[in-house]
Protein backbone atom coordinates (compact mmCIF):
# COMPACT_ATOMS: atom_id res chain seq x y z
CA UNK A 1 24.20 -13.49 -59.21
CA UNK A 2 20.57 -14.06 -58.40
CA UNK A 3 18.38 -11.98 -56.15
CA UNK A 4 16.09 -13.41 -53.50
CA UNK A 5 13.78 -11.63 -51.09
CA UNK A 6 13.10 -13.03 -47.64
CA UNK A 7 10.27 -11.72 -45.50
CA UNK A 8 10.89 -12.16 -41.76
CA UNK A 9 8.72 -12.25 -38.68
CA UNK A 10 10.64 -11.24 -35.57
CA UNK A 11 10.05 -11.48 -31.87
CA UNK A 12 8.19 -8.46 -30.53
CA UNK A 13 10.40 -5.40 -30.32
CA UNK A 14 13.36 -7.06 -32.06
CA UNK A 15 12.91 -6.17 -35.76
CA UNK A 16 15.54 -3.41 -35.73
CA UNK A 17 18.01 -5.69 -33.93
CA UNK A 18 17.47 -8.42 -36.52
CA UNK A 19 17.87 -5.93 -39.38
CA UNK A 20 21.15 -4.61 -37.97
CA UNK A 21 22.50 -8.12 -37.40
CA UNK A 22 21.60 -9.21 -40.94
CA UNK A 23 23.24 -6.18 -42.56
CA UNK A 24 26.33 -6.33 -40.35
CA UNK A 25 27.05 -10.06 -40.46
CA UNK A 26 25.73 -11.55 -43.72
CA UNK A 27 27.70 -10.48 -46.77
CA UNK A 28 24.98 -11.52 -49.22
CA UNK A 29 22.41 -9.19 -47.64
CA UNK A 30 22.05 -6.11 -49.83
CA UNK A 31 19.21 -4.22 -48.15
CA UNK A 32 16.74 -4.66 -45.30
CA UNK A 33 13.41 -2.82 -45.16
CA UNK A 34 10.97 -2.58 -42.26
CA UNK A 35 7.46 -3.38 -43.48
CA UNK A 36 3.87 -3.31 -42.33
CA UNK A 37 1.60 -6.32 -42.41
CA UNK A 38 2.22 -9.95 -41.49
CA UNK A 39 6.01 -9.70 -41.69
CA UNK A 40 8.35 -7.22 -40.01
CA UNK A 41 11.27 -7.13 -42.45
CA UNK A 42 11.98 -7.58 -46.15
CA UNK A 43 15.55 -8.73 -46.77
CA UNK A 44 17.08 -8.46 -50.24
CA UNK A 45 20.00 -10.81 -50.90
CA UNK A 46 22.25 -11.41 -53.89
CA UNK A 47 23.51 -14.97 -54.10
CA UNK A 48 26.06 -16.50 -56.47
CA UNK A 49 24.32 -18.83 -58.90
CA UNK A 50 25.97 -21.91 -57.36
CA UNK A 51 24.59 -21.23 -53.84
CA UNK A 52 21.72 -23.42 -52.62
CA UNK A 53 18.93 -20.95 -51.74
CA UNK A 54 17.25 -23.25 -49.24
CA UNK A 55 20.45 -23.96 -47.37
CA UNK A 56 21.35 -20.24 -47.32
CA UNK A 57 17.96 -19.25 -45.90
CA UNK A 58 17.80 -22.03 -43.30
CA UNK A 59 21.39 -21.81 -42.13
CA UNK A 60 22.15 -18.09 -42.39
CA UNK A 61 18.88 -16.14 -42.11
CA UNK A 62 16.54 -18.31 -40.06
CA UNK A 63 19.24 -18.78 -37.43
CA UNK A 64 19.62 -15.06 -36.72
CA UNK A 65 18.63 -14.29 -33.12
CA UNK A 66 14.96 -13.29 -32.67
CA UNK A 67 13.75 -14.53 -36.11
CA UNK A 68 10.46 -16.41 -35.72
CA UNK A 69 9.45 -17.16 -39.33
CA UNK A 70 10.51 -16.52 -42.92
CA UNK A 71 8.89 -16.46 -46.36
CA UNK A 72 11.25 -16.67 -49.34
CA UNK A 73 10.62 -15.22 -52.79
CA UNK A 74 12.94 -16.40 -55.55
CA UNK A 75 13.30 -14.05 -58.49
CA UNK A 76 13.75 -14.88 -62.18
CA UNK A 77 14.31 -11.69 -64.17
CA UNK A 78 15.08 -8.10 -63.28
CA UNK A 79 13.52 -5.45 -65.52
CA UNK A 80 15.13 -2.03 -65.67
């Protein structure tokens, strides 16, 4: 499994709706945080290593209702 983080901009007043939809409907979504700054949400996903990250983001996350923009961060190593 690999972790990715996707920052999302949402339509005004819709961030909590987008967060709920992501958590409820996308199995790979682990956690969603509301954030301050340019983006409204930070979405943490765990993907199987054979999943195409770009296709996952564009077909599963960017198509959620009320999502305006995304910024994807691909991770390499987790330090614990």
